[in-house]
N, C-alpha and C. Protein backbone atom coordinates (compact mmCIF):
# COMPACT_ATOMS: atom_id res chain seq x y z
N MET A 1 89.09 59.02 92.80
CA MET A 1 89.27 60.39 92.39
C MET A 1 89.17 61.33 93.59
N LYS A 2 90.02 62.28 93.56
CA LYS A 2 90.03 63.28 94.61
C LYS A 2 89.10 64.42 94.24
N GLU A 3 88.28 64.79 95.17
CA GLU A 3 87.39 65.93 94.92
C GLU A 3 88.03 67.20 95.45
N LYS A 4 87.84 68.24 94.71
CA LYS A 4 88.36 69.53 95.15
C LYS A 4 87.44 70.12 96.22
N THR A 5 88.05 70.61 97.26
CA THR A 5 87.28 71.28 98.28
C THR A 5 87.28 72.77 97.99
N VAL A 6 86.13 73.30 97.90
CA VAL A 6 85.99 74.72 97.63
C VAL A 6 85.61 75.41 98.92
N LYS A 7 86.47 76.30 99.35
CA LYS A 7 86.19 77.05 100.57
C LYS A 7 85.33 78.25 100.21
N LYS A 8 84.19 78.33 100.82
CA LYS A 8 83.31 79.46 100.57
C LYS A 8 83.70 80.59 101.49
N ARG A 9 83.84 81.76 100.91
CA ARG A 9 84.21 82.91 101.71
C ARG A 9 82.98 83.50 102.37
N THR A 10 83.15 83.85 103.61
CA THR A 10 82.05 84.49 104.31
C THR A 10 82.02 85.96 103.93
N HIS A 11 80.97 86.62 104.33
CA HIS A 11 80.83 88.04 104.02
C HIS A 11 81.94 88.84 104.68
N LYS A 12 82.34 88.44 105.87
CA LYS A 12 83.39 89.17 106.59
C LYS A 12 84.73 89.05 105.86
N GLU A 13 85.05 87.90 105.30
CA GLU A 13 86.29 87.73 104.57
C GLU A 13 86.29 88.50 103.26
N ALA A 14 85.15 88.60 102.63
CA ALA A 14 85.07 89.30 101.34
C ALA A 14 85.20 90.81 101.50
N ALA A 15 84.89 91.32 102.68
CA ALA A 15 84.88 92.77 102.89
C ALA A 15 86.18 93.28 103.50
N VAL A 16 87.24 92.50 103.44
CA VAL A 16 88.51 92.94 104.02
C VAL A 16 89.07 94.08 103.18
N ASN A 17 89.44 95.15 103.83
CA ASN A 17 90.01 96.31 103.15
C ASN A 17 91.52 96.25 103.31
N ILE A 18 92.25 96.13 102.21
CA ILE A 18 93.69 96.00 102.30
C ILE A 18 94.38 97.35 102.47
N PHE A 19 93.69 98.44 102.19
CA PHE A 19 94.25 99.77 102.35
C PHE A 19 93.67 100.43 103.59
N GLY A 20 94.52 101.13 104.31
CA GLY A 20 94.08 101.85 105.49
C GLY A 20 93.83 103.31 105.18
N LYS A 21 93.49 104.05 106.23
CA LYS A 21 93.21 105.47 106.08
C LYS A 21 94.45 106.22 105.59
N GLU A 22 95.63 105.83 106.10
CA GLU A 22 96.87 106.49 105.69
C GLU A 22 97.14 106.31 104.20
N ASN A 23 96.83 105.13 103.66
CA ASN A 23 97.04 104.90 102.24
C ASN A 23 96.19 105.85 101.40
N TYR A 24 94.95 106.04 101.80
CA TYR A 24 94.08 106.94 101.04
C TYR A 24 94.53 108.39 101.17
N ILE A 25 95.06 108.76 102.33
CA ILE A 25 95.57 110.12 102.50
C ILE A 25 96.78 110.35 101.60
N PHE A 26 97.71 109.38 101.56
CA PHE A 26 98.87 109.50 100.67
C PHE A 26 98.43 109.54 99.21
N PHE A 27 97.43 108.74 98.86
CA PHE A 27 96.96 108.72 97.48
C PHE A 27 96.33 110.06 97.09
N LEU A 28 95.55 110.64 97.98
CA LEU A 28 94.96 111.95 97.69
C LEU A 28 96.05 113.02 97.59
N GLY A 29 97.08 112.90 98.41
CA GLY A 29 98.21 113.82 98.30
C GLY A 29 98.92 113.68 96.97
N ALA A 30 99.07 112.44 96.51
CA ALA A 30 99.69 112.19 95.20
C ALA A 30 98.86 112.79 94.08
N ILE A 31 97.56 112.64 94.16
CA ILE A 31 96.67 113.22 93.15
C ILE A 31 96.81 114.74 93.16
N GLY A 32 96.92 115.34 94.35
CA GLY A 32 97.10 116.79 94.46
C GLY A 32 98.41 117.25 93.84
N VAL A 33 99.51 116.52 94.08
CA VAL A 33 100.81 116.88 93.51
C VAL A 33 100.77 116.74 91.99
N ILE A 34 100.13 115.70 91.49
CA ILE A 34 100.00 115.51 90.04
C ILE A 34 99.18 116.65 89.43
N PHE A 35 98.11 117.02 90.10
CA PHE A 35 97.28 118.13 89.62
C PHE A 35 98.09 119.42 89.59
N LEU A 36 98.87 119.67 90.64
CA LEU A 36 99.72 120.87 90.66
C LEU A 36 100.76 120.83 89.55
N GLY A 37 101.25 119.64 89.22
CA GLY A 37 102.20 119.50 88.12
C GLY A 37 101.59 119.90 86.79
N TYR A 38 100.36 119.49 86.55
CA TYR A 38 99.71 119.87 85.30
C TYR A 38 99.36 121.36 85.28
N ILE A 39 99.00 121.91 86.44
CA ILE A 39 98.73 123.35 86.51
C ILE A 39 100.02 124.12 86.23
N ALA A 40 101.14 123.67 86.82
CA ALA A 40 102.43 124.34 86.59
C ALA A 40 102.84 124.25 85.13
N MET A 41 102.48 123.16 84.47
CA MET A 41 102.83 123.00 83.06
C MET A 41 102.09 124.01 82.19
N MET A 42 100.92 124.43 82.61
CA MET A 42 100.13 125.38 81.82
C MET A 42 100.54 126.82 82.04
N GLN A 43 101.39 127.10 83.03
CA GLN A 43 101.75 128.47 83.37
C GLN A 43 102.88 128.98 82.48
N GLY A 44 102.77 130.20 82.07
CA GLY A 44 103.84 130.86 81.32
C GLY A 44 104.08 130.28 79.95
N PRO A 45 105.09 130.80 79.27
CA PRO A 45 105.45 130.27 77.94
C PRO A 45 106.08 128.88 78.06
N TRP A 46 106.29 128.26 76.93
CA TRP A 46 106.77 126.88 76.94
C TRP A 46 108.17 126.74 77.51
N ASN A 47 108.97 127.78 77.49
CA ASN A 47 110.34 127.69 77.96
C ASN A 47 110.54 128.34 79.33
N SER A 48 109.51 128.44 80.12
CA SER A 48 109.62 129.06 81.44
C SER A 48 110.05 128.02 82.48
N PHE A 49 110.45 128.50 83.64
CA PHE A 49 110.83 127.62 84.75
C PHE A 49 109.69 126.70 85.15
N TRP A 50 108.47 127.24 85.17
CA TRP A 50 107.31 126.45 85.58
C TRP A 50 107.08 125.26 84.65
N SER A 51 107.18 125.51 83.35
CA SER A 51 106.87 124.46 82.36
C SER A 51 108.01 123.46 82.19
N LEU A 52 109.25 123.93 82.26
CA LEU A 52 110.38 123.04 81.98
C LEU A 52 111.01 122.40 83.20
N ARG A 53 110.90 123.01 84.35
CA ARG A 53 111.59 122.48 85.53
C ARG A 53 110.62 121.97 86.60
N LEU A 54 109.75 122.84 87.04
CA LEU A 54 108.89 122.51 88.17
C LEU A 54 107.83 121.46 87.83
N ALA A 55 107.15 121.61 86.71
CA ALA A 55 106.09 120.68 86.34
C ALA A 55 106.59 119.25 86.19
N PRO A 56 107.68 118.99 85.46
CA PRO A 56 108.17 117.61 85.37
C PRO A 56 108.60 117.02 86.72
N MET A 57 109.19 117.86 87.58
CA MET A 57 109.57 117.36 88.91
C MET A 57 108.35 116.96 89.73
N LEU A 58 107.30 117.77 89.68
CA LEU A 58 106.07 117.44 90.41
C LEU A 58 105.40 116.19 89.85
N LEU A 59 105.38 116.06 88.53
CA LEU A 59 104.74 114.89 87.92
C LEU A 59 105.50 113.60 88.22
N VAL A 60 106.82 113.65 88.16
CA VAL A 60 107.61 112.46 88.48
C VAL A 60 107.45 112.12 89.96
N LEU A 61 107.47 113.13 90.82
CA LEU A 61 107.25 112.90 92.24
C LEU A 61 105.90 112.25 92.49
N GLY A 62 104.86 112.75 91.83
CA GLY A 62 103.52 112.20 92.03
C GLY A 62 103.36 110.79 91.49
N TYR A 63 103.74 110.60 90.22
CA TYR A 63 103.53 109.31 89.58
C TYR A 63 104.51 108.22 90.03
N CYS A 64 105.77 108.57 90.22
CA CYS A 64 106.80 107.55 90.46
C CYS A 64 107.16 107.36 91.92
N VAL A 65 106.78 108.29 92.78
CA VAL A 65 107.13 108.16 94.19
C VAL A 65 105.87 108.05 95.05
N LEU A 66 104.99 109.02 94.98
CA LEU A 66 103.87 109.08 95.92
C LEU A 66 102.79 108.03 95.65
N VAL A 67 102.44 107.79 94.40
CA VAL A 67 101.41 106.77 94.12
C VAL A 67 101.90 105.37 94.51
N PRO A 68 103.12 104.96 94.12
CA PRO A 68 103.59 103.65 94.60
C PRO A 68 103.72 103.60 96.12
N TRP A 69 104.15 104.69 96.74
CA TRP A 69 104.26 104.72 98.20
C TRP A 69 102.88 104.52 98.84
N ALA A 70 101.85 105.13 98.27
CA ALA A 70 100.50 104.98 98.80
C ALA A 70 100.00 103.54 98.65
N ILE A 71 100.43 102.85 97.62
CA ILE A 71 99.99 101.47 97.41
C ILE A 71 100.77 100.50 98.30
N ILE A 72 102.07 100.71 98.43
CA ILE A 72 102.93 99.76 99.14
C ILE A 72 102.89 99.95 100.65
N ARG A 73 102.70 101.17 101.11
CA ARG A 73 102.79 101.50 102.54
C ARG A 73 101.81 100.68 103.37
N ARG A 74 102.32 100.16 104.47
CA ARG A 74 101.47 99.48 105.44
C ARG A 74 101.50 100.27 106.73
N SER A 75 100.38 100.32 107.42
CA SER A 75 100.36 101.05 108.69
C SER A 75 101.10 100.25 109.76
N ARG A 76 101.52 100.91 110.79
CA ARG A 76 102.30 100.27 111.84
C ARG A 76 101.50 99.23 112.62
N ASN A 77 100.21 99.45 112.76
CA ASN A 77 99.39 98.53 113.55
C ASN A 77 98.74 97.42 112.71
N GLN A 78 99.03 97.39 111.42
CA GLN A 78 98.47 96.36 110.55
C GLN A 78 99.30 95.09 110.66
N LYS A 79 98.63 93.97 110.79
CA LYS A 79 99.32 92.69 110.93
C LYS A 79 99.92 92.25 109.61
N GLY A 80 101.08 91.62 109.66
CA GLY A 80 101.69 91.07 108.47
C GLY A 80 101.06 89.72 108.12
N ASP A 81 100.42 89.64 106.98
CA ASP A 81 99.70 88.41 106.60
C ASP A 81 100.63 87.41 105.99
């Protein structure tokens, strides 16, 4: 019978951070754009430019572009694993 070898991870391997400083900056920017989208949605009557045009554009930009970009982006000096 073959025994399974279990590799024990050291403390240094367990503490690897896959996101860099730039990723967190982009993520905070995305949160800011999403927040501005919700603020714009609350402005004016329901049929105003802010509620119907600007708010959806900001929310789509935040949720569909900036958050995935913050997750996927790799820094230039990060090694490809």
